[in-house]
Amino acid sequence: MIENYQIKNQLLQSLVYNTSDFALFIIDIKGKIQTWNRGAKYIFGYRDGDIIGNNFSVFYKEEHQQKKLPATLLE
């Protein structure tokens, strides 16, 4: 069962990473960015080390962060 989950997880991450026409990222339940794809790297201009592990709210303008829009979306 665990091995099947790991295979599906690797497949999903590969699919997300290799899509380059759109910005896609996978977050955990707290909003922490686990992985993202080539499209997101191109669109946002970050490197993996600059973004992986950060909260997805970094993609929102300061005014939206102040209104707690990212937290609302996460709920």
PDB file of N, CA and C in Angstrom:
ATOM      1  N   MET A   1       0.824  -1.195   0.000  1.00  0.00           N
ATOM      2  CA  MET A   1       0.000   0.000   0.000  1.00  0.00           C
ATOM      3  C   MET A   1       0.867   1.257   0.000  1.00  0.00           C
ATOM      4  N   ILE A   2       1.863   1.316   0.879  1.00  0.00           N
ATOM      5  CA  ILE A   2       2.752   2.478   0.944  1.00  0.00           C
ATOM      6  C   ILE A   2       3.522   2.623  -0.357  1.00  0.00           C
ATOM      7  N   GLU A   3       3.979   1.512  -0.902  1.00  0.00           N
ATOM      8  CA  GLU A   3       4.741   1.551  -2.153  1.00  0.00           C
ATOM      9  C   GLU A   3       3.869   2.099  -3.283  1.00  0.00           C
ATOM     10  N   ASN A   4       2.609   1.699  -3.350  1.00  0.00           N
ATOM     11  CA  ASN A   4       1.679   2.195  -4.352  1.00  0.00           C
ATOM     12  C   ASN A   4       1.489   3.707  -4.216  1.00  0.00           C
ATOM     13  N   TYR A   5       1.352   4.176  -2.976  1.00  0.00           N
ATOM     14  CA  TYR A   5       1.228   5.611  -2.714  1.00  0.00           C
ATOM     15  C   TYR A   5       2.470   6.351  -3.188  1.00  0.00           C
ATOM     16  N   GLN A   6       3.640   5.798  -2.905  1.00  0.00           N
ATOM     17  CA  GLN A   6       4.896   6.445  -3.302  1.00  0.00           C
ATOM     18  C   GLN A   6       5.006   6.532  -4.821  1.00  0.00           C
ATOM     19  N   ILE A   7       4.585   5.501  -5.511  1.00  0.00           N
ATOM     20  CA  ILE A   7       4.622   5.503  -6.977  1.00  0.00           C
ATOM     21  C   ILE A   7       3.679   6.566  -7.517  1.00  0.00           C
ATOM     22  N   LYS A   8       2.463   6.641  -6.970  1.00  0.00           N
ATOM     23  CA  LYS A   8       1.506   7.660  -7.416  1.00  0.00           C
ATOM     24  C   LYS A   8       2.019   9.065  -7.117  1.00  0.00           C
ATOM     25  N   ASN A   9       2.635   9.240  -5.963  1.00  0.00           N
ATOM     26  CA  ASN A   9       3.178  10.538  -5.589  1.00  0.00           C
ATOM     27  C   ASN A   9       4.302  10.947  -6.544  1.00  0.00           C
ATOM     28  N   GLN A  10       5.179  10.032  -6.880  1.00  0.00           N
ATOM     29  CA  GLN A  10       6.275  10.330  -7.808  1.00  0.00           C
ATOM     30  C   GLN A  10       5.730  10.656  -9.194  1.00  0.00           C
ATOM     31  N   LEU A  11       4.707   9.935  -9.614  1.00  0.00           N
ATOM     32  CA  LEU A  11       4.091  10.186 -10.915  1.00  0.00           C
ATOM     33  C   LEU A  11       3.450  11.577 -10.947  1.00  0.00           C
ATOM     34  N   LEU A  12       2.738  11.923  -9.896  1.00  0.00           N
ATOM     35  CA  LEU A  12       2.112  13.248  -9.813  1.00  0.00           C
ATOM     36  C   LEU A  12       3.169  14.349  -9.832  1.00  0.00           C
ATOM     37  N   GLN A  13       4.226  14.185  -9.058  1.00  0.00           N
ATOM     38  CA  GLN A  13       5.284  15.194  -9.037  1.00  0.00           C
ATOM     39  C   GLN A  13       5.954  15.318 -10.398  1.00  0.00           C
ATOM     40  N   SER A  14       6.167  14.206 -11.080  1.00  0.00           N
ATOM     41  CA  SER A  14       6.760  14.241 -12.415  1.00  0.00           C
ATOM     42  C   SER A  14       5.846  14.967 -13.396  1.00  0.00           C
ATOM     43  N   LEU A  15       4.556  14.688 -13.320  1.00  0.00           N
ATOM     44  CA  LEU A  15       3.587  15.347 -14.191  1.00  0.00           C
ATOM     45  C   LEU A  15       3.568  16.847 -13.953  1.00  0.00           C
ATOM     46  N   VAL A  16       3.531  17.246 -12.700  1.00  0.00           N
ATOM     47  CA  VAL A  16       3.533  18.675 -12.360  1.00  0.00           C
ATOM     48  C   VAL A  16       4.813  19.327 -12.849  1.00  0.00           C
ATOM     49  N   TYR A  17       5.952  18.731 -12.567  1.00  0.00           N
ATOM     50  CA  TYR A  17       7.235  19.338 -12.911  1.00  0.00           C
ATOM     51  C   TYR A  17       7.400  19.502 -14.419  1.00  0.00           C
ATOM     52  N   ASN A  18       6.997  18.521 -15.190  1.00  0.00           N
ATOM     53  CA  ASN A  18       7.245  18.542 -16.630  1.00  0.00           C
ATOM     54  C   ASN A  18       6.252  19.367 -17.437  1.00  0.00           C
ATOM     55  N   THR A  19       5.205  19.868 -16.815  1.00  0.00           N
ATOM     56  CA  THR A  19       4.269  20.761 -17.497  1.00  0.00           C
ATOM     57  C   THR A  19       4.889  22.155 -17.517  1.00  0.00           C
ATOM     58  N   SER A  20       5.066  22.712 -18.708  1.00  0.00           N
ATOM     59  CA  SER A  20       5.751  24.004 -18.777  1.00  0.00           C
ATOM     60  C   SER A  20       4.869  25.145 -19.270  1.00  0.00           C
ATOM     61  N   ASP A  21       3.654  24.844 -19.695  1.00  0.00           N
ATOM     62  CA  ASP A  21       2.773  25.895 -20.201  1.00  0.00           C
ATOM     63  C   ASP A  21       2.032  26.636 -19.093  1.00  0.00           C
ATOM     64  N   PHE A  22       2.013  26.067 -17.903  1.00  0.00           N
ATOM     65  CA  PHE A  22       1.276  26.639 -16.778  1.00  0.00           C
ATOM     66  C   PHE A  22       2.140  26.618 -15.523  1.00  0.00           C
ATOM     67  N   ALA A  23       1.853  27.521 -14.614  1.00  0.00           N
ATOM     68  CA  ALA A  23       2.520  27.521 -13.316  1.00  0.00           C
ATOM     69  C   ALA A  23       1.727  26.616 -12.378  1.00  0.00           C
ATOM     70  N   LEU A  24       2.329  25.522 -11.962  1.00  0.00           N
ATOM     71  CA  LEU A  24       1.697  24.574 -11.052  1.00  0.00           C
ATOM     72  C   LEU A  24       2.614  24.338  -9.868  1.00  0.00           C
ATOM     73  N   PHE A  25       2.022  24.194  -8.697  1.00  0.00           N
ATOM     74  CA  PHE A  25       2.816  23.820  -7.539  1.00  0.00           C
ATOM     75  C   PHE A  25       1.983  22.968  -6.605  1.00  0.00           C
ATOM     76  N   ILE A  26       2.661  22.162  -5.826  1.00  0.00           N
ATOM     77  CA  ILE A  26       2.011  21.300  -4.846  1.00  0.00           C
ATOM     78  C   ILE A  26       2.366  21.831  -3.470  1.00  0.00           C
ATOM     79  N   ILE A  27       1.328  22.008  -2.632  1.00  0.00           N
ATOM     80  CA  ILE A  27       1.541  22.496  -1.275  1.00  0.00           C
ATOM     81  C   ILE A  27       1.030  21.458  -0.274  1.00  0.00           C
ATOM     82  N   ASP A  28       1.533  21.543   0.946  1.00  0.00           N
ATOM     83  CA  ASP A  28       1.013  20.670   1.998  1.00  0.00           C
ATOM     84  C   ASP A  28      -0.190  21.341   2.657  1.00  0.00           C
ATOM     85  N   ILE A  29      -0.738  20.733   3.693  1.00  0.00           N
ATOM     86  CA  ILE A  29      -1.959  21.265   4.303  1.00  0.00           C
ATOM     87  C   ILE A  29      -1.760  22.600   5.010  1.00  0.00           C
ATOM     88  N   LYS A  30      -0.507  22.974   5.238  1.00  0.00           N
ATOM     89  CA  LYS A  30      -0.227  24.266   5.873  1.00  0.00           C
ATOM     90  C   LYS A  30       0.138  25.343   4.855  1.00  0.00           C
ATOM     91  N   GLY A  31       0.154  24.974   3.565  1.00  0.00           N
ATOM     92  CA  GLY A  31       0.466  25.938   2.517  1.00  0.00           C
ATOM     93  C   GLY A  31       1.934  25.994   2.136  1.00  0.00           C
ATOM     94  N   LYS A  32       2.724  25.083   2.672  1.00  0.00           N
ATOM     95  CA  LYS A  32       4.162  25.036   2.383  1.00  0.00           C
ATOM     96  C   LYS A  32       4.379  24.401   1.006  1.00  0.00           C
ATOM     97  N   ILE A  33       5.139  25.061   0.157  1.00  0.00           N
ATOM     98  CA  ILE A  33       5.383  24.588  -1.207  1.00  0.00           C
ATOM     99  C   ILE A  33       6.310  23.372  -1.169  1.00  0.00           C
ATOM    100  N   GLN A  34       5.799  22.256  -1.705  1.00  0.00           N
ATOM    101  CA  GLN A  34       6.553  21.004  -1.732  1.00  0.00           C
ATOM    102  C   GLN A  34       7.350  20.849  -3.034  1.00  0.00           C
ATOM    103  N   THR A  35       6.725  21.213  -4.127  1.00  0.00           N
ATOM    104  CA  THR A  35       7.375  21.147  -5.435  1.00  0.00           C
ATOM    105  C   THR A  35       6.621  22.064  -6.388  1.00  0.00           C
ATOM    106  N   TRP A  36       7.264  22.400  -7.480  1.00  0.00           N
ATOM    107  CA  TRP A  36       6.607  23.194  -8.508  1.00  0.00           C
ATOM    108  C   TRP A  36       7.207  22.857  -9.852  1.00  0.00           C
ATOM    109  N   ASN A  37       6.654  23.437 -10.905  1.00  0.00           N
ATOM    110  CA  ASN A  37       7.070  23.006 -12.238  1.00  0.00           C
ATOM    111  C   ASN A  37       7.911  24.052 -12.966  1.00  0.00           C
ATOM    112  N   ARG A  38       8.337  23.671 -14.141  1.00  0.00           N
ATOM    113  CA  ARG A  38       9.163  24.553 -14.977  1.00  0.00           C
ATOM    114  C   ARG A  38       8.431  25.838 -15.339  1.00  0.00           C
ATOM    115  N   GLY A  39       7.134  25.715 -15.630  1.00  0.00           N
ATOM    116  CA  GLY A  39       6.334  26.898 -15.968  1.00  0.00           C
ATOM    117  C   GLY A  39       6.347  27.924 -14.850  1.00  0.00           C
ATOM    118  N   ALA A  40       6.216  27.457 -13.618  1.00  0.00           N
ATOM    119  CA  ALA A  40       6.230  28.367 -12.470  1.00  0.00           C
ATOM    120  C   ALA A  40       7.602  29.018 -12.323  1.00  0.00           C
ATOM    121  N   LYS A  41       8.650  28.258 -12.547  1.00  0.00           N
ATOM    122  CA  LYS A  41      10.005  28.832 -12.480  1.00  0.00           C
ATOM    123  C   LYS A  41      10.144  29.960 -13.491  1.00  0.00           C
ATOM    124  N   TYR A  42       9.649  29.711 -14.697  1.00  0.00           N
ATOM    125  CA  TYR A  42       9.749  30.710 -15.758  1.00  0.00           C
ATOM    126  C   TYR A  42       8.885  31.937 -15.452  1.00  0.00           C
ATOM    127  N   ILE A  43       7.638  31.703 -15.048  1.00  0.00           N
ATOM    128  CA  ILE A  43       6.701  32.804 -14.813  1.00  0.00           C
ATOM    129  C   ILE A  43       7.107  33.661 -13.619  1.00  0.00           C
ATOM    130  N   PHE A  44       7.483  33.014 -12.508  1.00  0.00           N
ATOM    131  CA  PHE A  44       7.786  33.755 -11.288  1.00  0.00           C
ATOM    132  C   PHE A  44       9.254  34.139 -11.152  1.00  0.00           C
ATOM    133  N   GLY A  45      10.131  33.434 -11.857  1.00  0.00           N
ATOM    134  CA  GLY A  45      11.544  33.785 -11.855  1.00  0.00           C
ATOM    135  C   GLY A  45      12.337  33.352 -10.633  1.00  0.00           C
ATOM    136  N   TYR A  46      11.782  32.475  -9.813  1.00  0.00           N
ATOM    137  CA  TYR A  46      12.503  31.966  -8.643  1.00  0.00           C
ATOM    138  C   TYR A  46      13.271  30.707  -9.008  1.00  0.00           C
ATOM    139  N   ARG A  47      14.285  30.402  -8.215  1.00  0.00           N
ATOM    140  CA  ARG A  47      14.964  29.106  -8.304  1.00  0.00           C
ATOM    141  C   ARG A  47      14.345  28.188  -7.261  1.00  0.00           C
ATOM    142  N   ASP A  48      14.544  26.880  -7.421  1.00  0.00           N
ATOM    143  CA  ASP A  48      13.980  25.916  -6.471  1.00  0.00           C
ATOM    144  C   ASP A  48      14.345  26.257  -5.032  1.00  0.00           C
ATOM    145  N   GLY A  49      15.600  26.537  -4.790  1.00  0.00           N
ATOM    146  CA  GLY A  49      16.064  26.820  -3.438  1.00  0.00           C
ATOM    147  C   GLY A  49      15.457  28.072  -2.830  1.00  0.00           C
ATOM    148  N   ASP A  50      14.966  28.958  -3.682  1.00  0.00           N
ATOM    149  CA  ASP A  50      14.354  30.199  -3.205  1.00  0.00           C
ATOM    150  C   ASP A  50      12.884  30.024  -2.831  1.00  0.00           C
ATOM    151  N   ILE A  51      12.239  28.969  -3.310  1.00  0.00           N
ATOM    152  CA  ILE A  51      10.791  28.861  -3.155  1.00  0.00           C
ATOM    153  C   ILE A  51      10.336  27.595  -2.440  1.00  0.00           C
ATOM    154  N   ILE A  52      10.982  26.459  -2.673  1.00  0.00           N
ATOM    155  CA  ILE A  52      10.585  25.209  -2.028  1.00  0.00           C
ATOM    156  C   ILE A  52      10.701  25.373  -0.514  1.00  0.00           C
ATOM    157  N   GLY A  53       9.634  25.015   0.185  1.00  0.00           N
ATOM    158  CA  GLY A  53       9.609  25.133   1.637  1.00  0.00           C
ATOM    159  C   GLY A  53       8.971  26.412   2.144  1.00  0.00           C
ATOM    160  N   ASN A  54       8.779  27.391   1.271  1.00  0.00           N
ATOM    161  CA  ASN A  54       8.108  28.633   1.659  1.00  0.00           C
ATOM    162  C   ASN A  54       6.596  28.472   1.538  1.00  0.00           C
ATOM    163  N   ASN A  55       5.860  29.364   2.182  1.00  0.00           N
ATOM    164  CA  ASN A  55       4.413  29.353   2.093  1.00  0.00           C
ATOM    165  C   ASN A  55       3.988  29.906   0.734  1.00  0.00           C
ATOM    166  N   PHE A  56       2.918  29.355   0.182  1.00  0.00           N
ATOM    167  CA  PHE A  56       2.454  29.778  -1.141  1.00  0.00           C
ATOM    168  C   PHE A  56       1.994  31.232  -1.179  1.00  0.00           C
ATOM    169  N   SER A  57       1.830  31.844  -0.027  1.00  0.00           N
ATOM    170  CA  SER A  57       1.402  33.246   0.020  1.00  0.00           C
ATOM    171  C   SER A  57       2.425  34.184  -0.610  1.00  0.00           C
ATOM    172  N   VAL A  58       3.654  33.716  -0.831  1.00  0.00           N
ATOM    173  CA  VAL A  58       4.672  34.552  -1.480  1.00  0.00           C
ATOM    174  C   VAL A  58       4.255  34.963  -2.890  1.00  0.00           C
ATOM    175  N   PHE A  59       3.300  34.238  -3.473  1.00  0.00           N
ATOM    176  CA  PHE A  59       2.838  34.554  -4.820  1.00  0.00           C
ATOM    177  C   PHE A  59       1.770  35.641  -4.828  1.00  0.00           C
ATOM    178  N   TYR A  60       1.344  36.094  -3.657  1.00  0.00           N
ATOM    179  CA  TYR A  60       0.281  37.086  -3.549  1.00  0.00           C
ATOM    180  C   TYR A  60       0.846  38.461  -3.217  1.00  0.00           C
ATOM    181  N   LYS A  61       0.194  39.489  -3.727  1.00  0.00           N
ATOM    182  CA  LYS A  61       0.585  40.865  -3.425  1.00  0.00           C
ATOM    183  C   LYS A  61       0.387  41.133  -1.936  1.00  0.00           C
ATOM    184  N   GLU A  62       1.118  42.117  -1.448  1.00  0.00           N
ATOM    185  CA  GLU A  62       1.054  42.477  -0.026  1.00  0.00           C
ATOM    186  C   GLU A  62      -0.375  42.806   0.412  1.00  0.00           C
ATOM    187  N   GLU A  63      -1.118  43.501  -0.424  1.00  0.00           N
ATOM    188  CA  GLU A  63      -2.495  43.867  -0.063  1.00  0.00           C
ATOM    189  C   GLU A  63      -3.378  42.633   0.128  1.00  0.00           C
ATOM    190  N   HIS A  64      -3.147  41.608  -0.684  1.00  0.00           N
ATOM    191  CA  HIS A  64      -3.918  40.366  -0.532  1.00  0.00           C
ATOM    192  C   HIS A  64      -3.475  39.592   0.708  1.00  0.00           C
ATOM    193  N   GLN A  65      -2.193  39.669   1.016  1.00  0.00           N
ATOM    194  CA  GLN A  65      -1.704  39.008   2.228  1.00  0.00           C
ATOM    195  C   GLN A  65      -2.283  39.683   3.467  1.00  0.00           C
ATOM    196  N   GLN A  66      -2.362  41.000   3.459  1.00  0.00           N
ATOM    197  CA  GLN A  66      -2.927  41.730   4.594  1.00  0.00           C
ATOM    198  C   GLN A  66      -4.403  41.395   4.807  1.00  0.00           C
ATOM    199  N   LYS A  67      -5.108  41.136   3.718  1.00  0.00           N
ATOM    200  CA  LYS A  67      -6.524  40.752   3.814  1.00  0.00           C
ATOM    201  C   LYS A  67      -6.688  39.255   4.100  1.00  0.00           C
ATOM    202  N   LYS A  68      -5.553  38.556   4.257  1.00  0.00           N
ATOM    203  CA  LYS A  68      -5.525  37.130   4.579  1.00  0.00           C
ATOM    204  C   LYS A  68      -6.165  36.249   3.506  1.00  0.00           C
ATOM    205  N   LEU A  69      -6.073  36.692   2.252  1.00  0.00           N
ATOM    206  CA  LEU A  69      -6.613  35.914   1.147  1.00  0.00           C
ATOM    207  C   LEU A  69      -5.955  34.538   1.037  1.00  0.00           C
ATOM    208  N   PRO A  70      -4.621  34.422   1.112  1.00  0.00           N
ATOM    209  CA  PRO A  70      -4.021  33.087   1.028  1.00  0.00           C
ATOM    210  C   PRO A  70      -4.529  32.132   2.115  1.00  0.00           C
ATOM    211  N   ALA A  71      -4.661  32.629   3.340  1.00  0.00           N
ATOM    212  CA  ALA A  71      -5.146  31.785   4.441  1.00  0.00           C
ATOM    213  C   ALA A  71      -6.583  31.348   4.192  1.00  0.00           C
ATOM    214  N   THR A  72      -7.385  32.251   3.653  1.00  0.00           N
ATOM    215  CA  THR A  72      -8.779  31.924   3.352  1.00  0.00           C
ATOM    216  C   THR A  72      -8.857  30.844   2.288  1.00  0.00           C
ATOM    217  N   LEU A  73      -8.026  30.969   1.256  1.00  0.00           N
ATOM    218  CA  LEU A  73      -8.009  29.959   0.193  1.00  0.00           C
ATOM    219  C   LEU A  73      -7.538  28.603   0.712  1.00  0.00           C
ATOM    220  N   LEU A  74      -6.612  28.626   1.625  1.00  0.00           N
ATOM    221  CA  LEU A  74      -6.082  27.381   2.177  1.00  0.00           C
ATOM    222  C   LEU A  74      -7.126  26.637   3.000  1.00  0.00           C
ATOM    223  N   GLU A  75      -7.976  27.389   3.663  1.00  0.00           N
ATOM    224  CA  GLU A  75      -9.040  26.761   4.456  1.00  0.00           C
ATOM    225  C   GLU A  75      -9.978  26.001   3.569  1.00  0.00           C
TER     226      GLU A  75
END
